Amino acid sequence: MEEIISYFETIPSSHRSIILVGGITFFFLLEYAVPLFKMRYKKFKHAWTNIFFTITTILVNFVLAFLLLKTADWVVATDFGILQWLPNMPLWAYVLLGIALLDLIGAYTAHWAEHRIKPLWMFHIIHHTDTNVDTTTANRHHPGESVIRFAFTLAGVFIVGAPIGVVMLYQSLSVVLSQFNHANIKMPKWLDTAISWVIVSPDMHKVHHHHVMPYTDTNYGNIFSIWDRLFGTFAKMNNEDIVYGVDTVPDPKENAEIGPLLKIPFQGYRKVTTSE
């Protein structure tokens, strides 16, 4: 564990890029082998829109990365934050707790807030407009949402008192597991169910992408599924009943082209019209 944390303390940007690109490539190819839903869309054409938003997400995080480093260094130097206040514990427990708390604040809470606060939802809605959810959907975030997510992650580092090695490990796991739970892959139901007791599985997260309420407001988790179970936002749904997209943006052109998607947050709130 010491070697792992030491590596992530100084992980080169090129290695982080390999993790991102490697994850997308692996699950992208796996989707051909064991697809959950038959691909009735042009997979590569669909990917370009999501890759554009992946690139903008990378750029936002790259520009703001120094804030994470400064904050992580400060909490360690001043013994501030939950991890810094706890008594000595095994390194593996220290790292696991740090990742879990960062996941709670930087992912679950951020995601919950984006569904509950209208201005935040108008940025997040771009993620839900994808009517063909696959591994490339994982980073389909409006640049404005990327800033919002970064702010929550930064708050997480501050509150948790996480050192940079734990932060970088968390972010790497978050990227890969998001690609995993968005991937259009079919797993044995017993295996998916078993996994979903610990981490967010593909079947669990697909429910969140159902096009109408109340399912859209469930299963917010990214790494650990415990938060949805603990806070009462966990839901199940049969795969065959899932319809991707969001009912407030039904126009295929608007939800598939970069220009219209970038404009959505500035066009005013759209009230939900349907529910189940």
C-alpha atoms as a PDB file:
ATOM      1  CA  MET A   1       0.000   0.000   0.000  1.00  0.00           C
ATOM      2  CA  GLU A   2       2.864   2.389   0.739  1.00  0.00           C
ATOM      3  CA  GLU A   3       4.211   1.842  -2.772  1.00  0.00           C
ATOM      4  CA  ILE A   4       0.775   2.555  -4.296  1.00  0.00           C
ATOM      5  CA  ILE A   5       0.307   5.803  -2.387  1.00  0.00           C
ATOM      6  CA  SER A   6       3.877   6.830  -3.140  1.00  0.00           C
ATOM      7  CA  TYR A   7       3.234   6.279  -6.853  1.00  0.00           C
ATOM      8  CA  PHE A   8       0.027   8.335  -6.862  1.00  0.00           C
ATOM      9  CA  GLU A   9       1.681  11.165  -4.948  1.00  0.00           C
ATOM     10  CA  THR A  10       3.770  11.912  -8.018  1.00  0.00           C
ATOM     11  CA  ILE A  11       1.772  10.225 -10.782  1.00  0.00           C
ATOM     12  CA  PRO A  12       2.740  11.797 -14.146  1.00  0.00           C
ATOM     13  CA  SER A  13       0.014  13.400 -16.234  1.00  0.00           C
ATOM     14  CA  SER A  14       0.841  10.918 -18.999  1.00  0.00           C
ATOM     15  CA  HIS A  15       0.015   8.016 -16.691  1.00  0.00           C
ATOM     16  CA  ARG A  16      -3.311   9.591 -15.723  1.00  0.00           C
ATOM     17  CA  SER A  17      -4.069   9.947 -19.433  1.00  0.00           C
ATOM     18  CA  ILE A  18      -3.251   6.278 -19.974  1.00  0.00           C
ATOM     19  CA  ILE A  19      -5.697   5.326 -17.205  1.00  0.00           C
ATOM     20  CA  LEU A  20      -8.441   7.442 -18.802  1.00  0.00           C
ATOM     21  CA  VAL A  21      -7.869   6.368 -22.392  1.00  0.00           C
ATOM     22  CA  GLY A  22      -7.098   2.778 -21.439  1.00  0.00           C
ATOM     23  CA  GLY A  23     -10.338   2.474 -19.493  1.00  0.00           C
ATOM     24  CA  ILE A  24     -12.483   3.876 -22.290  1.00  0.00           C
ATOM     25  CA  THR A  25     -10.770   1.662 -24.872  1.00  0.00           C
ATOM     26  CA  PHE A  26     -11.149  -1.497 -22.767  1.00  0.00           C
ATOM     27  CA  PHE A  27     -14.854  -1.039 -22.046  1.00  0.00           C
ATOM     28  CA  PHE A  28     -15.544   0.298 -25.552  1.00  0.00           C
ATOM     29  CA  LEU A  29     -14.242  -2.980 -27.003  1.00  0.00           C
ATOM     30  CA  LEU A  30     -15.955  -5.070 -24.310  1.00  0.00           C
ATOM     31  CA  GLU A  31     -19.272  -3.517 -25.343  1.00  0.00           C
ATOM     32  CA  TYR A  32     -18.924  -5.265 -28.692  1.00  0.00           C
ATOM     33  CA  ALA A  33     -18.326  -8.636 -27.040  1.00  0.00           C
ATOM     34  CA  VAL A  34     -21.049  -8.637 -24.369  1.00  0.00           C
ATOM     35  CA  PRO A  35     -23.497  -5.755 -25.008  1.00  0.00           C
ATOM     36  CA  LEU A  36     -26.374  -5.212 -22.603  1.00  0.00           C
ATOM     37  CA  PHE A  37     -28.484  -3.567 -25.314  1.00  0.00           C
ATOM     38  CA  LYS A  38     -28.036  -4.203 -29.031  1.00  0.00           C
ATOM     39  CA  MET A  39     -26.268  -1.303 -30.696  1.00  0.00           C
ATOM     40  CA  ARG A  40     -28.830   0.340 -32.946  1.00  0.00           C
ATOM     41  CA  TYR A  41     -26.762   3.492 -33.264  1.00  0.00           C
ATOM     42  CA  LYS A  42     -23.527   4.504 -34.965  1.00  0.00           C
ATOM     43  CA  LYS A  43     -21.160   3.836 -32.100  1.00  0.00           C
ATOM     44  CA  PHE A  44     -18.179   5.859 -33.331  1.00  0.00           C
ATOM     45  CA  LYS A  45     -20.300   8.838 -34.421  1.00  0.00           C
ATOM     46  CA  HIS A  46     -22.036   8.786 -31.031  1.00  0.00           C
ATOM     47  CA  ALA A  47     -18.661   8.673 -29.267  1.00  0.00           C
ATOM     48  CA  TRP A  48     -17.374  11.909 -30.824  1.00  0.00           C
ATOM     49  CA  THR A  49     -19.840  14.104 -28.945  1.00  0.00           C
ATOM     50  CA  ASN A  50     -18.944  12.447 -25.665  1.00  0.00           C
ATOM     51  CA  ILE A  51     -15.230  12.595 -26.415  1.00  0.00           C
ATOM     52  CA  PHE A  52     -15.549  16.356 -26.943  1.00  0.00           C
ATOM     53  CA  PHE A  53     -17.012  16.717 -23.451  1.00  0.00           C
ATOM     54  CA  THR A  54     -14.372  14.353 -22.086  1.00  0.00           C
ATOM     55  CA  ILE A  55     -11.680  16.673 -23.464  1.00  0.00           C
ATOM     56  CA  THR A  56     -13.322  19.754 -21.927  1.00  0.00           C
ATOM     57  CA  THR A  57     -13.534  17.913 -18.596  1.00  0.00           C
ATOM     58  CA  ILE A  58      -9.817  17.125 -18.788  1.00  0.00           C
ATOM     59  CA  LEU A  59      -8.982  20.746 -19.594  1.00  0.00           C
ATOM     60  CA  VAL A  60     -11.030  22.111 -16.682  1.00  0.00           C
ATOM     61  CA  ASN A  61      -9.427  19.689 -14.245  1.00  0.00           C
ATOM     62  CA  PHE A  62      -5.956  20.369 -15.641  1.00  0.00           C
ATOM     63  CA  VAL A  63      -6.317  24.142 -15.253  1.00  0.00           C
ATOM     64  CA  LEU A  64      -7.635  23.840 -11.685  1.00  0.00           C
ATOM     65  CA  ALA A  65      -5.425  20.953 -10.547  1.00  0.00           C
ATOM     66  CA  PHE A  66      -3.042  23.231  -8.648  1.00  0.00           C
ATOM     67  CA  LEU A  67      -5.884  24.012  -6.219  1.00  0.00           C
ATOM     68  CA  LEU A  68      -6.167  20.331  -5.312  1.00  0.00           C
ATOM     69  CA  LEU A  69      -2.418  20.109  -4.743  1.00  0.00           C
ATOM     70  CA  LYS A  70      -2.294  23.264  -2.615  1.00  0.00           C
ATOM     71  CA  THR A  71      -5.300  22.198  -0.543  1.00  0.00           C
ATOM     72  CA  ALA A  72      -4.001  18.658   0.000  1.00  0.00           C
ATOM     73  CA  ASP A  73      -0.595  19.997   1.059  1.00  0.00           C
ATOM     74  CA  TRP A  74      -2.219  22.536   3.403  1.00  0.00           C
ATOM     75  CA  VAL A  75      -4.456  20.057   5.250  1.00  0.00           C
ATOM     76  CA  VAL A  76      -1.475  17.758   5.868  1.00  0.00           C
ATOM     77  CA  ALA A  77       0.806  20.598   6.966  1.00  0.00           C
ATOM     78  CA  THR A  78      -1.797  21.998   9.382  1.00  0.00           C
ATOM     79  CA  ASP A  79      -3.274  18.650  10.532  1.00  0.00           C
ATOM     80  CA  PHE A  80      -6.707  19.733   9.341  1.00  0.00           C
ATOM     81  CA  GLY A  81      -9.544  17.437   8.316  1.00  0.00           C
ATOM     82  CA  ILE A  82     -11.124  14.147   9.335  1.00  0.00           C
ATOM     83  CA  LEU A  83      -8.188  11.925   8.423  1.00  0.00           C
ATOM     84  CA  GLN A  84      -5.761  14.195  10.231  1.00  0.00           C
ATOM     85  CA  TRP A  85      -7.864  14.186  13.412  1.00  0.00           C
ATOM     86  CA  LEU A  86      -8.259  10.422  13.653  1.00  0.00           C
ATOM     87  CA  PRO A  87      -5.878   8.293  15.751  1.00  0.00           C
ATOM     88  CA  ASN A  88      -3.264   6.197  13.975  1.00  0.00           C
ATOM     89  CA  MET A  89      -4.737   3.355  11.952  1.00  0.00           C
ATOM     90  CA  PRO A  90      -3.434   0.823   9.423  1.00  0.00           C
ATOM     91  CA  LEU A  91      -2.534   2.498   6.139  1.00  0.00           C
ATOM     92  CA  TRP A  92      -5.046   0.424   4.184  1.00  0.00           C
ATOM     93  CA  ALA A  93      -7.872   1.592   6.484  1.00  0.00           C
ATOM     94  CA  TYR A  94      -6.667   5.204   6.271  1.00  0.00           C
ATOM     95  CA  VAL A  95      -6.654   5.071   2.459  1.00  0.00           C
ATOM     96  CA  LEU A  96      -9.998   3.246   2.199  1.00  0.00           C
ATOM     97  CA  LEU A  97     -11.689   5.720   4.535  1.00  0.00           C
ATOM     98  CA  GLY A  98     -10.209   8.643   2.616  1.00  0.00           C
ATOM     99  CA  ILE A  99     -11.447   7.305  -0.735  1.00  0.00           C
ATOM    100  CA  ALA A 100     -14.892   6.542   0.701  1.00  0.00           C
ATOM    101  CA  LEU A 101     -15.315  10.043   2.167  1.00  0.00           C
ATOM    102  CA  LEU A 102     -14.056  11.721  -1.008  1.00  0.00           C
ATOM    103  CA  ASP A 103     -16.559   9.608  -2.942  1.00  0.00           C
ATOM    104  CA  LEU A 104     -19.337  10.711  -0.570  1.00  0.00           C
ATOM    105  CA  ILE A 105     -18.567  14.433  -0.870  1.00  0.00           C
ATOM    106  CA  GLY A 106     -17.020  14.738  -4.330  1.00  0.00           C
ATOM    107  CA  ALA A 107     -19.342  12.334  -6.163  1.00  0.00           C
ATOM    108  CA  TYR A 108     -22.522  11.341  -4.304  1.00  0.00           C
ATOM    109  CA  THR A 109     -23.237  14.727  -2.681  1.00  0.00           C
ATOM    110  CA  ALA A 110     -22.280  16.613  -5.851  1.00  0.00           C
ATOM    111  CA  HIS A 111     -24.565  14.397  -7.920  1.00  0.00           C
ATOM    112  CA  TRP A 112     -27.438  14.693  -5.429  1.00  0.00           C
ATOM    113  CA  ALA A 113     -27.097  18.497  -5.416  1.00  0.00           C
ATOM    114  CA  GLU A 114     -27.113  18.638  -9.208  1.00  0.00           C
ATOM    115  CA  HIS A 115     -30.501  16.917  -9.215  1.00  0.00           C
ATOM    116  CA  ARG A 116     -31.948  19.044  -6.410  1.00  0.00           C
ATOM    117  CA  ILE A 117     -30.724  22.562  -7.298  1.00  0.00           C
ATOM    118  CA  LYS A 118     -32.198  23.857 -10.566  1.00  0.00           C
ATOM    119  CA  PRO A 119     -29.202  25.916 -11.843  1.00  0.00           C
ATOM    120  CA  LEU A 120     -26.898  22.944 -11.238  1.00  0.00           C
ATOM    121  CA  TRP A 121     -29.361  20.571 -12.904  1.00  0.00           C
ATOM    122  CA  MET A 122     -29.362  22.680 -16.060  1.00  0.00           C
ATOM    123  CA  PHE A 123     -25.647  21.935 -16.450  1.00  0.00           C
ATOM    124  CA  HIS A 124     -25.926  18.291 -15.393  1.00  0.00           C
ATOM    125  CA  ILE A 125     -28.831  17.602 -17.746  1.00  0.00           C
ATOM    126  CA  ILE A 126     -26.379  17.302 -20.655  1.00  0.00           C
ATOM    127  CA  HIS A 127     -25.171  14.051 -19.097  1.00  0.00           C
ATOM    128  CA  HIS A 128     -28.744  12.704 -19.093  1.00  0.00           C
ATOM    129  CA  THR A 129     -29.579  13.650 -22.675  1.00  0.00           C
ATOM    130  CA  ASP A 130     -27.577  10.705 -24.020  1.00  0.00           C
ATOM    131  CA  THR A 131     -30.089   8.228 -25.449  1.00  0.00           C
ATOM    132  CA  ASN A 132     -27.414   5.581 -26.053  1.00  0.00           C
ATOM    133  CA  VAL A 133     -25.590   5.257 -22.749  1.00  0.00           C
ATOM    134  CA  ASP A 134     -22.228   3.528 -23.018  1.00  0.00           C
ATOM    135  CA  THR A 135     -18.755   3.890 -21.538  1.00  0.00           C
ATOM    136  CA  THR A 136     -18.142   7.172 -23.394  1.00  0.00           C
ATOM    137  CA  THR A 137     -21.117   8.689 -21.553  1.00  0.00           C
ATOM    138  CA  ALA A 138     -19.131   8.608 -18.296  1.00  0.00           C
ATOM    139  CA  ASN A 139     -17.436  11.954 -18.977  1.00  0.00           C
ATOM    140  CA  ARG A 140     -20.255  13.593 -20.927  1.00  0.00           C
ATOM    141  CA  HIS A 141     -20.220  16.705 -18.714  1.00  0.00           C
ATOM    142  CA  HIS A 142     -20.834  20.311 -19.721  1.00  0.00           C
ATOM    143  CA  PRO A 143     -17.722  22.434 -18.925  1.00  0.00           C
ATOM    144  CA  GLY A 144     -19.836  24.250 -16.344  1.00  0.00           C
ATOM    145  CA  GLU A 145     -20.616  20.962 -14.623  1.00  0.00           C
ATOM    146  CA  SER A 146     -16.923  20.066 -14.655  1.00  0.00           C
ATOM    147  CA  VAL A 147     -16.273  23.212 -12.613  1.00  0.00           C
ATOM    148  CA  ILE A 148     -19.130  22.347 -10.241  1.00  0.00           C
ATOM    149  CA  ARG A 149     -17.820  18.817  -9.742  1.00  0.00           C
ATOM    150  CA  PHE A 150     -14.318  20.125  -9.168  1.00  0.00           C
ATOM    151  CA  ALA A 151     -15.610  22.490  -6.462  1.00  0.00           C
ATOM    152  CA  PHE A 152     -17.217  19.582  -4.599  1.00  0.00           C
ATOM    153  CA  THR A 153     -14.042  17.506  -4.917  1.00  0.00           C
ATOM    154  CA  LEU A 154     -11.990  20.403  -3.594  1.00  0.00           C
ATOM    155  CA  ALA A 155     -14.381  20.754  -0.652  1.00  0.00           C
ATOM    156  CA  GLY A 156     -13.987  17.016  -0.075  1.00  0.00           C
ATOM    157  CA  VAL A 157     -10.200  17.250   0.078  1.00  0.00           C
ATOM    158  CA  PHE A 158     -10.526  20.117   2.577  1.00  0.00           C
ATOM    159  CA  ILE A 159     -13.090  18.413   4.834  1.00  0.00           C
ATOM    160  CA  VAL A 160     -11.539  14.949   4.660  1.00  0.00           C
ATOM    161  CA  GLY A 161      -7.984  16.225   5.105  1.00  0.00           C
ATOM    162  CA  ALA A 162      -6.817  13.986   2.279  1.00  0.00           C
ATOM    163  CA  PRO A 163      -3.153  13.954   1.205  1.00  0.00           C
ATOM    164  CA  ILE A 164      -2.444  14.214  -2.505  1.00  0.00           C
ATOM    165  CA  GLY A 165      -1.619  10.512  -2.888  1.00  0.00           C
ATOM    166  CA  VAL A 166      -5.089   9.539  -1.664  1.00  0.00           C
ATOM    167  CA  VAL A 167      -6.686  12.249  -3.827  1.00  0.00           C
ATOM    168  CA  MET A 168      -4.983  11.043  -7.008  1.00  0.00           C
ATOM    169  CA  LEU A 169      -5.825   7.402  -6.238  1.00  0.00           C
ATOM    170  CA  TYR A 170      -9.448   8.382  -5.635  1.00  0.00           C
ATOM    171  CA  GLN A 171      -9.672  10.296  -8.910  1.00  0.00           C
ATOM    172  CA  SER A 172      -8.148   7.415 -10.873  1.00  0.00           C
ATOM    173  CA  LEU A 173     -10.579   4.908  -9.360  1.00  0.00           C
ATOM    174  CA  SER A 174     -13.462   7.310  -9.947  1.00  0.00           C
ATOM    175  CA  VAL A 175     -12.653   7.630 -13.652  1.00  0.00           C
ATOM    176  CA  VAL A 176     -12.364   3.881 -14.293  1.00  0.00           C
ATOM    177  CA  LEU A 177     -15.389   2.871 -12.215  1.00  0.00           C
ATOM    178  CA  SER A 178     -17.516   5.541 -13.883  1.00  0.00           C
ATOM    179  CA  GLN A 179     -16.518   4.094 -17.268  1.00  0.00           C
ATOM    180  CA  PHE A 180     -17.396   0.641 -15.907  1.00  0.00           C
ATOM    181  CA  ASN A 181     -20.835   1.471 -14.534  1.00  0.00           C
ATOM    182  CA  HIS A 182     -21.832   3.404 -17.673  1.00  0.00           C
ATOM    183  CA  ALA A 183     -20.586   0.690 -20.032  1.00  0.00           C
ATOM    184  CA  ASN A 184     -23.138  -1.075 -22.220  1.00  0.00           C
ATOM    185  CA  ILE A 185     -22.067  -4.502 -20.995  1.00  0.00           C
ATOM    186  CA  LYS A 186     -24.113  -7.489 -19.860  1.00  0.00           C
ATOM    187  CA  MET A 187     -22.997  -9.309 -16.740  1.00  0.00           C
ATOM    188  CA  PRO A 188     -24.588 -12.356 -15.100  1.00  0.00           C
ATOM    189  CA  LYS A 189     -27.398 -10.961 -12.944  1.00  0.00           C
ATOM    190  CA  TRP A 190     -26.099 -12.661  -9.797  1.00  0.00           C
ATOM    191  CA  LEU A 191     -22.661 -11.106 -10.323  1.00  0.00           C
ATOM    192  CA  ASP A 192     -24.025  -7.617 -11.002  1.00  0.00           C
ATOM    193  CA  THR A 193     -26.233  -7.863  -7.908  1.00  0.00           C
ATOM    194  CA  ALA A 194     -23.349  -9.061  -5.754  1.00  0.00           C
ATOM    195  CA  ILE A 195     -21.072  -6.257  -6.959  1.00  0.00           C
ATOM    196  CA  SER A 196     -23.789  -3.663  -6.337  1.00  0.00           C
ATOM    197  CA  TRP A 197     -23.619  -4.316  -2.590  1.00  0.00           C
ATOM    198  CA  VAL A 198     -20.130  -2.780  -2.568  1.00  0.00           C
ATOM    199  CA  ILE A 199     -19.580  -0.702  -5.700  1.00  0.00           C
ATOM    200  CA  VAL A 200     -21.904   0.801  -8.288  1.00  0.00           C
ATOM    201  CA  SER A 201     -22.573  -1.851 -10.929  1.00  0.00           C
ATOM    202  CA  PRO A 202     -23.685  -1.288 -14.554  1.00  0.00           C
ATOM    203  CA  ASP A 203     -27.272  -2.452 -13.938  1.00  0.00           C
ATOM    204  CA  MET A 204     -27.536  -0.283 -10.831  1.00  0.00           C
ATOM    205  CA  HIS A 205     -26.396   2.882 -12.571  1.00  0.00           C
ATOM    206  CA  LYS A 206     -28.432   2.325 -15.728  1.00  0.00           C
ATOM    207  CA  VAL A 207     -31.577   2.859 -13.608  1.00  0.00           C
ATOM    208  CA  HIS A 208     -30.385   6.414 -12.975  1.00  0.00           C
ATOM    209  CA  HIS A 209     -30.423   7.068 -16.722  1.00  0.00           C
ATOM    210  CA  HIS A 210     -34.089   6.068 -17.180  1.00  0.00           C
ATOM    211  CA  HIS A 211     -35.811   8.973 -18.912  1.00  0.00           C
ATOM    212  CA  VAL A 212     -38.495   9.822 -16.338  1.00  0.00           C
ATOM    213  CA  MET A 213     -38.958  10.371 -12.620  1.00  0.00           C
ATOM    214  CA  PRO A 214     -38.600   9.046  -9.990  1.00  0.00           C
ATOM    215  CA  TYR A 215     -35.823   6.797 -11.320  1.00  0.00           C
ATOM    216  CA  THR A 216     -33.743   9.707 -12.611  1.00  0.00           C
ATOM    217  CA  ASP A 217     -33.361  10.828  -8.996  1.00  0.00           C
ATOM    218  CA  THR A 218     -31.939   7.547  -7.692  1.00  0.00           C
ATOM    219  CA  ASN A 219     -28.623   5.689  -7.647  1.00  0.00           C
ATOM    220  CA  TYR A 220     -26.357   8.740  -7.447  1.00  0.00           C
ATOM    221  CA  GLY A 221     -23.236   6.822  -6.401  1.00  0.00           C
ATOM    222  CA  ASN A 222     -20.070   6.598  -8.459  1.00  0.00           C
ATOM    223  CA  ILE A 223     -17.677   4.274  -6.644  1.00  0.00           C
ATOM    224  CA  PHE A 224     -19.425   2.941  -3.545  1.00  0.00           C
ATOM    225  CA  SER A 225     -23.083   1.903  -3.559  1.00  0.00           C
ATOM    226  CA  ILE A 226     -23.348   2.205   0.229  1.00  0.00           C
ATOM    227  CA  TRP A 227     -24.315   5.885   0.052  1.00  0.00           C
ATOM    228  CA  ASP A 228     -27.482   5.234  -1.973  1.00  0.00           C
ATOM    229  CA  ARG A 229     -28.486   2.439   0.361  1.00  0.00           C
ATOM    230  CA  LEU A 230     -27.682   4.490   3.458  1.00  0.00           C
ATOM    231  CA  PHE A 231     -29.519   7.652   2.346  1.00  0.00           C
ATOM    232  CA  GLY A 232     -32.531   5.956   0.772  1.00  0.00           C
ATOM    233  CA  THR A 233     -31.797   6.788  -2.870  1.00  0.00           C
ATOM    234  CA  PHE A 234     -31.259   3.218  -4.057  1.00  0.00           C
ATOM    235  CA  ALA A 235     -33.641   1.806  -6.681  1.00  0.00           C
ATOM    236  CA  LYS A 236     -33.974  -1.279  -8.862  1.00  0.00           C
ATOM    237  CA  MET A 237     -35.503  -1.634 -12.298  1.00  0.00           C
ATOM    238  CA  ASN A 238     -35.627  -4.335 -14.957  1.00  0.00           C
ATOM    239  CA  ASN A 239     -33.125  -3.684 -17.739  1.00  0.00           C
ATOM    240  CA  GLU A 240     -35.718  -4.267 -20.430  1.00  0.00           C
ATOM    241  CA  ASP A 241     -37.858  -1.418 -19.046  1.00  0.00           C
ATOM    242  CA  ILE A 242     -35.111   1.181 -19.156  1.00  0.00           C
ATOM    243  CA  VAL A 243     -35.395   3.986 -21.716  1.00  0.00           C
ATOM    244  CA  TYR A 244     -32.368   6.284 -21.858  1.00  0.00           C
ATOM    245  CA  GLY A 245     -32.518  10.052 -22.129  1.00  0.00           C
ATOM    246  CA  VAL A 246     -34.466  12.747 -20.294  1.00  0.00           C
ATOM    247  CA  ASP A 247     -38.055  13.758 -21.017  1.00  0.00           C
ATOM    248  CA  THR A 248     -37.356  17.506 -20.949  1.00  0.00           C
ATOM    249  CA  VAL A 249     -34.901  17.302 -23.870  1.00  0.00           C
ATOM    250  CA  PRO A 250     -36.567  14.928 -26.358  1.00  0.00           C
ATOM    251  CA  ASP A 251     -35.216  16.537 -29.554  1.00  0.00           C
ATOM    252  CA  PRO A 252     -32.669  14.099 -31.099  1.00  0.00           C
ATOM    253  CA  LYS A 253     -30.728  16.972 -32.700  1.00  0.00           C
ATOM    254  CA  GLU A 254     -30.498  18.945 -29.481  1.00  0.00           C
ATOM    255  CA  ASN A 255     -29.315  15.994 -27.417  1.00  0.00           C
ATOM    256  CA  ALA A 256     -26.773  14.715 -29.911  1.00  0.00           C
ATOM    257  CA  GLU A 257     -24.973  17.794 -31.244  1.00  0.00           C
ATOM    258  CA  ILE A 258     -22.311  19.736 -29.331  1.00  0.00           C
ATOM    259  CA  GLY A 259     -23.577  23.262 -30.097  1.00  0.00           C
ATOM    260  CA  PRO A 260     -27.155  22.774 -28.851  1.00  0.00           C
ATOM    261  CA  LEU A 261     -25.921  20.858 -25.801  1.00  0.00           C
ATOM    262  CA  LEU A 262     -23.593  23.689 -24.780  1.00  0.00           C
ATOM    263  CA  LYS A 263     -26.519  26.138 -24.908  1.00  0.00           C
ATOM    264  CA  ILE A 264     -28.984  24.138 -22.762  1.00  0.00           C
ATOM    265  CA  PRO A 265     -27.905  25.513 -19.334  1.00  0.00           C
ATOM    266  CA  PHE A 266     -28.608  29.070 -20.509  1.00  0.00           C
ATOM    267  CA  GLN A 267     -32.080  28.468 -21.914  1.00  0.00           C
ATOM    268  CA  GLY A 268     -34.008  28.345 -18.651  1.00  0.00           C
ATOM    269  CA  TYR A 269     -35.344  25.560 -16.448  1.00  0.00           C
ATOM    270  CA  ARG A 270     -37.507  22.921 -18.093  1.00  0.00           C
ATOM    271  CA  LYS A 271     -40.125  21.376 -15.841  1.00  0.00           C
ATOM    272  CA  VAL A 272     -40.483  17.598 -15.706  1.00  0.00           C
ATOM    273  CA  THR A 273     -43.577  16.568 -17.634  1.00  0.00           C
ATOM    274  CA  THR A 274     -43.799  12.823 -17.055  1.00  0.00           C
ATOM    275  CA  SER A 275     -43.268  10.349 -14.243  1.00  0.00           C
ATOM    276  CA  GLU A 276     -43.913   6.712 -13.403  1.00  0.00           C
END
